Amino acid sequence: MRTVEALARVLGPGHPDTLRCRANLLLTREQLGDHTASAHCSATINQLAGLLGEGHPTIGTLRSGRKLVRALDPQPF
C-alpha cells in the first residue's frame, strides 16, 4: 500500500503507473480472499482503460486476473 501511496504522491493518483500498481495490489488482495477488493479492482482497471483504451493489451491482462510487472510510462531517470 505504501508504494501505491508514494506513486500517487509523486506521479499523481490518475497516472497509469499508479493505477497499474493499485490494480496489482487489488488483484493480490482478491487472490488472498479479500472479496471487498473486487469492486475497487474493477473500478481501477476501468479508470486505466479510460486512459489507455479498452483494446490496450494491459487492460486484457488485468481483466484476466494477471498482474503487470513493468512500468507503463518510462520514468525520466
N, C-alpha and C. Protein backbone atom coordinates (compact mmCIF):
# COMPACT_ATOMS: atom_id res chain seq x y z
N MET A 1 0.82 -1.19 0.00
CA MET A 1 0.00 0.00 0.00
C MET A 1 0.87 1.26 0.00
N ARG A 2 2.00 1.19 0.66
CA ARG A 2 2.87 2.37 0.71
C ARG A 2 3.39 2.73 -0.68
N THR A 3 3.61 1.73 -1.51
CA THR A 3 4.09 2.01 -2.87
C THR A 3 3.02 2.75 -3.65
N VAL A 4 1.79 2.31 -3.55
CA VAL A 4 0.68 2.98 -4.25
C VAL A 4 0.57 4.42 -3.77
N GLU A 5 0.67 4.62 -2.46
CA GLU A 5 0.58 5.97 -1.91
C GLU A 5 1.73 6.84 -2.38
N ALA A 6 2.93 6.27 -2.44
CA ALA A 6 4.09 7.05 -2.90
C ALA A 6 3.95 7.42 -4.37
N LEU A 7 3.51 6.46 -5.19
CA LEU A 7 3.30 6.76 -6.61
C LEU A 7 2.23 7.83 -6.79
N ALA A 8 1.16 7.74 -6.03
CA ALA A 8 0.09 8.74 -6.12
C ALA A 8 0.61 10.13 -5.74
N ARG A 9 1.47 10.17 -4.75
CA ARG A 9 2.02 11.45 -4.31
C ARG A 9 2.99 12.03 -5.35
N VAL A 10 3.83 11.18 -5.93
CA VAL A 10 4.86 11.66 -6.86
C VAL A 10 4.32 11.83 -8.28
N LEU A 11 3.60 10.82 -8.78
CA LEU A 11 3.13 10.85 -10.17
C LEU A 11 1.70 11.36 -10.32
N GLY A 12 0.93 11.24 -9.25
CA GLY A 12 -0.48 11.62 -9.29
C GLY A 12 -1.35 10.38 -9.22
N PRO A 13 -2.54 10.50 -8.64
CA PRO A 13 -3.42 9.34 -8.46
C PRO A 13 -3.97 8.76 -9.75
N GLY A 14 -4.00 9.55 -10.81
CA GLY A 14 -4.53 9.05 -12.08
C GLY A 14 -3.46 8.66 -13.09
N HIS A 15 -2.20 8.65 -12.66
CA HIS A 15 -1.11 8.28 -13.57
C HIS A 15 -1.20 6.78 -13.87
N PRO A 16 -0.92 6.39 -15.12
CA PRO A 16 -1.01 4.97 -15.48
C PRO A 16 -0.20 4.04 -14.57
N ASP A 17 0.98 4.45 -14.15
CA ASP A 17 1.78 3.57 -13.28
C ASP A 17 1.19 3.47 -11.88
N THR A 18 0.58 4.54 -11.39
CA THR A 18 -0.10 4.48 -10.10
C THR A 18 -1.28 3.52 -10.19
N LEU A 19 -2.05 3.63 -11.27
CA LEU A 19 -3.20 2.75 -11.46
C LEU A 19 -2.77 1.30 -11.64
N ARG A 20 -1.67 1.07 -12.35
CA ARG A 20 -1.15 -0.29 -12.54
C ARG A 20 -0.78 -0.89 -11.20
N CYS A 21 -0.08 -0.13 -10.39
CA CYS A 21 0.34 -0.62 -9.08
C CYS A 21 -0.87 -0.89 -8.19
N ARG A 22 -1.85 0.01 -8.21
CA ARG A 22 -3.06 -0.19 -7.42
C ARG A 22 -3.81 -1.44 -7.89
N ALA A 23 -3.91 -1.63 -9.20
CA ALA A 23 -4.59 -2.82 -9.73
C ALA A 23 -3.86 -4.09 -9.30
N ASN A 24 -2.53 -4.09 -9.36
CA ASN A 24 -1.76 -5.25 -8.92
C ASN A 24 -2.03 -5.57 -7.45
N LEU A 25 -2.03 -4.53 -6.61
CA LEU A 25 -2.30 -4.72 -5.19
C LEU A 25 -3.70 -5.31 -4.97
N LEU A 26 -4.67 -4.75 -5.67
CA LEU A 26 -6.05 -5.23 -5.51
C LEU A 26 -6.22 -6.65 -6.04
N LEU A 27 -5.52 -6.99 -7.12
CA LEU A 27 -5.56 -8.38 -7.62
C LEU A 27 -4.97 -9.33 -6.59
N THR A 28 -3.90 -8.93 -5.94
CA THR A 28 -3.29 -9.76 -4.89
C THR A 28 -4.26 -9.94 -3.74
N ARG A 29 -4.90 -8.86 -3.33
CA ARG A 29 -5.88 -8.95 -2.24
C ARG A 29 -7.04 -9.87 -2.61
N GLU A 30 -7.50 -9.78 -3.86
CA GLU A 30 -8.56 -10.69 -4.32
C GLU A 30 -8.11 -12.14 -4.23
N GLN A 31 -6.90 -12.41 -4.70
CA GLN A 31 -6.38 -13.77 -4.70
C GLN A 31 -6.19 -14.32 -3.29
N LEU A 32 -6.02 -13.42 -2.33
CA LEU A 32 -5.89 -13.83 -0.93
C LEU A 32 -7.24 -13.94 -0.23
N GLY A 33 -8.32 -13.73 -0.99
CA GLY A 33 -9.66 -13.92 -0.45
C GLY A 33 -10.37 -12.68 0.03
N ASP A 34 -9.81 -11.51 -0.22
CA ASP A 34 -10.46 -10.25 0.16
C ASP A 34 -11.48 -9.89 -0.91
N HIS A 35 -12.72 -10.26 -0.66
CA HIS A 35 -13.76 -10.05 -1.67
C HIS A 35 -14.16 -8.58 -1.81
N THR A 36 -13.81 -7.75 -0.85
CA THR A 36 -14.12 -6.32 -0.97
C THR A 36 -13.20 -5.65 -1.99
N ALA A 37 -12.10 -6.30 -2.34
CA ALA A 37 -11.15 -5.71 -3.29
C ALA A 37 -11.67 -5.76 -4.73
N SER A 38 -12.60 -6.65 -5.02
CA SER A 38 -13.08 -6.83 -6.40
C SER A 38 -13.65 -5.57 -7.02
N ALA A 39 -14.53 -4.91 -6.31
CA ALA A 39 -15.16 -3.70 -6.85
C ALA A 39 -14.12 -2.61 -7.07
N HIS A 40 -13.20 -2.46 -6.13
CA HIS A 40 -12.16 -1.45 -6.27
C HIS A 40 -11.23 -1.78 -7.43
N CYS A 41 -10.95 -3.07 -7.60
CA CYS A 41 -10.08 -3.50 -8.69
C CYS A 41 -10.73 -3.20 -10.03
N SER A 42 -12.00 -3.54 -10.17
CA SER A 42 -12.71 -3.26 -11.42
C SER A 42 -12.73 -1.76 -11.72
N ALA A 43 -12.97 -0.95 -10.70
CA ALA A 43 -13.00 0.50 -10.90
C ALA A 43 -11.63 1.02 -11.33
N THR A 44 -10.58 0.48 -10.74
CA THR A 44 -9.22 0.90 -11.10
C THR A 44 -8.89 0.51 -12.53
N ILE A 45 -9.25 -0.72 -12.91
CA ILE A 45 -9.00 -1.18 -14.28
C ILE A 45 -9.81 -0.35 -15.27
N ASN A 46 -11.04 -0.03 -14.92
CA ASN A 46 -11.86 0.82 -15.80
C ASN A 46 -11.25 2.21 -15.96
N GLN A 47 -10.71 2.75 -14.89
CA GLN A 47 -10.05 4.06 -14.97
C GLN A 47 -8.83 3.98 -15.88
N LEU A 48 -8.05 2.92 -15.75
CA LEU A 48 -6.88 2.74 -16.60
C LEU A 48 -7.30 2.52 -18.05
N ALA A 49 -8.38 1.79 -18.27
CA ALA A 49 -8.89 1.59 -19.63
C ALA A 49 -9.33 2.91 -20.25
N GLY A 50 -9.84 3.82 -19.43
CA GLY A 50 -10.22 5.14 -19.92
C GLY A 50 -9.02 5.92 -20.42
N LEU A 51 -7.87 5.69 -19.81
CA LEU A 51 -6.65 6.39 -20.23
C LEU A 51 -5.99 5.72 -21.43
N LEU A 52 -5.91 4.39 -21.40
CA LEU A 52 -5.15 3.65 -22.41
C LEU A 52 -6.00 3.13 -23.56
N GLY A 53 -7.29 3.01 -23.34
CA GLY A 53 -8.19 2.42 -24.33
C GLY A 53 -8.45 0.96 -23.97
N GLU A 54 -9.67 0.55 -24.18
CA GLU A 54 -10.09 -0.80 -23.80
C GLU A 54 -9.30 -1.87 -24.54
N GLY A 55 -8.84 -1.58 -25.75
CA GLY A 55 -8.11 -2.56 -26.55
C GLY A 55 -6.64 -2.70 -26.20
N HIS A 56 -6.14 -1.89 -25.29
CA HIS A 56 -4.73 -1.96 -24.89
C HIS A 56 -4.46 -3.32 -24.23
N PRO A 57 -3.34 -3.97 -24.58
CA PRO A 57 -3.04 -5.29 -24.01
C PRO A 57 -2.99 -5.30 -22.48
N THR A 58 -2.60 -4.21 -21.89
CA THR A 58 -2.56 -4.10 -20.43
C THR A 58 -3.91 -4.37 -19.81
N ILE A 59 -4.94 -3.85 -20.44
CA ILE A 59 -6.29 -3.98 -19.90
C ILE A 59 -6.73 -5.44 -19.94
N GLY A 60 -6.47 -6.12 -21.03
CA GLY A 60 -6.80 -7.54 -21.14
C GLY A 60 -6.07 -8.37 -20.10
N THR A 61 -4.81 -8.03 -19.86
CA THR A 61 -4.01 -8.74 -18.86
C THR A 61 -4.63 -8.60 -17.48
N LEU A 62 -4.95 -7.36 -17.10
CA LEU A 62 -5.54 -7.12 -15.79
C LEU A 62 -6.93 -7.74 -15.66
N ARG A 63 -7.73 -7.63 -16.71
CA ARG A 63 -9.09 -8.19 -16.65
C ARG A 63 -9.07 -9.71 -16.52
N SER A 64 -7.99 -10.34 -16.99
CA SER A 64 -7.89 -11.80 -16.87
C SER A 64 -7.35 -12.22 -15.50
N GLY A 65 -7.07 -11.24 -14.64
CA GLY A 65 -6.61 -11.55 -13.29
C GLY A 65 -5.10 -11.70 -13.17
N ARG A 66 -4.38 -11.35 -14.23
CA ARG A 66 -2.91 -11.42 -14.18
C ARG A 66 -2.35 -10.04 -13.87
N LYS A 67 -1.28 -10.01 -13.12
CA LYS A 67 -0.65 -8.76 -12.72
C LYS A 67 0.33 -8.27 -13.79
N LEU A 68 0.57 -6.98 -13.78
CA LEU A 68 1.54 -6.36 -14.68
C LEU A 68 2.87 -6.21 -13.94
N VAL A 69 3.95 -6.48 -14.63
CA VAL A 69 5.25 -6.45 -13.96
C VAL A 69 6.17 -5.36 -14.50
N ARG A 70 5.66 -4.49 -15.33
CA ARG A 70 6.50 -3.44 -15.89
C ARG A 70 5.78 -2.10 -15.81
N ALA A 71 6.57 -1.04 -15.87
CA ALA A 71 6.00 0.30 -15.85
C ALA A 71 5.35 0.59 -17.20
N LEU A 72 4.26 1.32 -17.18
CA LEU A 72 3.57 1.69 -18.41
C LEU A 72 4.17 2.93 -19.04
N ASP A 73 4.70 3.79 -18.19
CA ASP A 73 5.24 5.06 -18.65
C ASP A 73 6.71 5.13 -18.27
N PRO A 74 7.63 5.13 -19.23
CA PRO A 74 9.04 5.19 -18.88
C PRO A 74 9.35 6.39 -17.98
N GLN A 75 10.09 6.15 -16.94
CA GLN A 75 10.39 7.20 -15.98
C GLN A 75 11.62 8.00 -16.44
N PRO A 76 11.62 9.29 -16.22
CA PRO A 76 12.74 10.15 -16.64
C PRO A 76 13.89 10.13 -15.65
N PHE A 77 14.68 9.08 -15.66
CA PHE A 77 15.83 8.98 -14.73
C PHE A 77 17.07 9.51 -15.37
